[in-house]
Amino acid sequence: MPVIHISAERQVIMEKKLHRSISDRKIAGVCGGLAEYFNIDPTVVRVIWALLSLFAGSGVLAYIIVALIMPEG
């Protein structure tokens, strides 16, 4: 968990929250939100998601479910 020091007496702890991306979205922001959460390039998440969709077959359905469940950030 990252900690930002404001002064010697106070600390503000920033929590990572999983949310759909507002700034980095192609369809609903799911892959952009996952990339922000895991601190990786969104293109990597999109390629992995596309490969899983092609080979596993349930990626599109999973994307729709996650887009409906994950809050927009």
C-alpha atoms as a PDB file:
ATOM      1  CA  MET A   1       0.000   0.000   0.000  1.00  0.00           C
ATOM      2  CA  PRO A   2       1.651   3.288  -1.052  1.00  0.00           C
ATOM      3  CA  VAL A   3       2.217   5.887   1.652  1.00  0.00           C
ATOM      4  CA  ILE A   4       2.671   9.585   0.931  1.00  0.00           C
ATOM      5  CA  HIS A   5       4.437  11.628   3.587  1.00  0.00           C
ATOM      6  CA  ILE A   6       2.913  15.097   3.985  1.00  0.00           C
ATOM      7  CA  SER A   7       4.814  16.155   7.073  1.00  0.00           C
ATOM      8  CA  ALA A   8       6.731  14.533   9.900  1.00  0.00           C
ATOM      9  CA  GLU A   9       3.531  14.237  11.959  1.00  0.00           C
ATOM     10  CA  ARG A  10       0.940  13.203   9.359  1.00  0.00           C
ATOM     11  CA  GLN A  11       0.704  10.471   6.750  1.00  0.00           C
ATOM     12  CA  VAL A  12      -1.938  10.011   4.126  1.00  0.00           C
ATOM     13  CA  ILE A  13      -2.471   6.446   2.961  1.00  0.00           C
ATOM     14  CA  MET A  14      -3.760   6.091  -0.573  1.00  0.00           C
ATOM     15  CA  GLU A  15      -5.827   2.962  -1.146  1.00  0.00           C
ATOM     16  CA  LYS A  16      -5.938   1.340  -4.553  1.00  0.00           C
ATOM     17  CA  LYS A  17      -9.504   0.826  -5.718  1.00  0.00           C
ATOM     18  CA  LEU A  18     -10.631  -1.167  -8.698  1.00  0.00           C
ATOM     19  CA  HIS A  19     -12.785   0.937 -11.002  1.00  0.00           C
ATOM     20  CA  ARG A  20     -13.495   1.479 -14.692  1.00  0.00           C
ATOM     21  CA  SER A  21     -11.205   4.081 -16.210  1.00  0.00           C
ATOM     22  CA  ILE A  22     -12.652   7.383 -17.347  1.00  0.00           C
ATOM     23  CA  SER A  23      -9.556   8.628 -19.160  1.00  0.00           C
ATOM     24  CA  ASP A  24      -8.292   5.394 -20.744  1.00  0.00           C
ATOM     25  CA  ARG A  25     -11.253   3.656 -22.271  1.00  0.00           C
ATOM     26  CA  LYS A  26     -12.029   2.082 -25.608  1.00  0.00           C
ATOM     27  CA  ILE A  27     -15.423   0.538 -24.857  1.00  0.00           C
ATOM     28  CA  ALA A  28     -16.376   0.714 -21.171  1.00  0.00           C
ATOM     29  CA  GLY A  29     -13.023   1.316 -19.448  1.00  0.00           C
ATOM     30  CA  VAL A  30     -12.699  -2.151 -17.943  1.00  0.00           C
ATOM     31  CA  CYS A  31      -9.229  -2.934 -19.329  1.00  0.00           C
ATOM     32  CA  GLY A  32      -8.020   0.594 -18.562  1.00  0.00           C
ATOM     33  CA  GLY A  33      -9.245   0.278 -14.977  1.00  0.00           C
ATOM     34  CA  LEU A  34      -7.563  -3.101 -14.522  1.00  0.00           C
ATOM     35  CA  ALA A  35      -4.335  -1.662 -15.954  1.00  0.00           C
ATOM     36  CA  GLU A  36      -4.452   1.283 -13.535  1.00  0.00           C
ATOM     37  CA  TYR A  37      -5.076  -1.060 -10.594  1.00  0.00           C
ATOM     38  CA  PHE A  38      -2.184  -3.383 -11.456  1.00  0.00           C
ATOM     39  CA  ASN A  39       0.022  -0.500 -12.691  1.00  0.00           C
ATOM     40  CA  ILE A  40       0.667  -1.982 -16.128  1.00  0.00           C
ATOM     41  CA  ASP A  41       0.178  -0.817 -19.702  1.00  0.00           C
ATOM     42  CA  PRO A  42      -3.493  -0.943 -20.780  1.00  0.00           C
ATOM     43  CA  THR A  43      -2.509  -2.422 -24.133  1.00  0.00           C
ATOM     44  CA  VAL A  44      -1.144  -5.497 -22.348  1.00  0.00           C
ATOM     45  CA  VAL A  45      -4.455  -5.988 -20.537  1.00  0.00           C
ATOM     46  CA  ARG A  46      -6.389  -5.540 -23.796  1.00  0.00           C
ATOM     47  CA  VAL A  47      -4.233  -8.084 -25.639  1.00  0.00           C
ATOM     48  CA  ILE A  48      -4.563 -10.616 -22.809  1.00  0.00           C
ATOM     49  CA  TRP A  49      -8.331 -10.069 -22.701  1.00  0.00           C
ATOM     50  CA  ALA A  50      -8.579 -10.500 -26.496  1.00  0.00           C
ATOM     51  CA  LEU A  51      -6.545 -13.711 -26.414  1.00  0.00           C
ATOM     52  CA  LEU A  52      -8.651 -15.107 -23.588  1.00  0.00           C
ATOM     53  CA  SER A  53     -11.791 -14.192 -25.526  1.00  0.00           C
ATOM     54  CA  LEU A  54     -10.559 -16.014 -28.615  1.00  0.00           C
ATOM     55  CA  PHE A  55      -9.300 -19.140 -26.885  1.00  0.00           C
ATOM     56  CA  ALA A  56     -11.578 -19.446 -23.853  1.00  0.00           C
ATOM     57  CA  GLY A  57     -14.687 -18.153 -25.608  1.00  0.00           C
ATOM     58  CA  SER A  58     -16.300 -16.421 -22.641  1.00  0.00           C
ATOM     59  CA  GLY A  59     -14.315 -13.161 -22.691  1.00  0.00           C
ATOM     60  CA  VAL A  60     -17.087 -11.066 -24.227  1.00  0.00           C
ATOM     61  CA  LEU A  61     -19.617 -12.225 -21.661  1.00  0.00           C
ATOM     62  CA  ALA A  62     -17.096 -11.670 -18.853  1.00  0.00           C
ATOM     63  CA  TYR A  63     -16.355  -8.145 -20.164  1.00  0.00           C
ATOM     64  CA  ILE A  64     -20.053  -7.251 -20.140  1.00  0.00           C
ATOM     65  CA  ILE A  65     -20.516  -8.600 -16.605  1.00  0.00           C
ATOM     66  CA  VAL A  66     -17.429  -6.778 -15.309  1.00  0.00           C
ATOM     67  CA  ALA A  67     -18.520  -3.549 -17.043  1.00  0.00           C
ATOM     68  CA  LEU A  68     -21.867  -3.753 -15.252  1.00  0.00           C
ATOM     69  CA  ILE A  69     -20.409  -4.624 -11.840  1.00  0.00           C
ATOM     70  CA  MET A  70     -17.251  -2.472 -11.690  1.00  0.00           C
ATOM     71  CA  PRO A  71     -17.925   1.117 -10.560  1.00  0.00           C
ATOM     72  CA  GLU A  72     -16.812   3.998 -12.755  1.00  0.00           C
ATOM     73  CA  GLY A  73     -13.943   5.944 -11.281  1.00  0.00           C
END
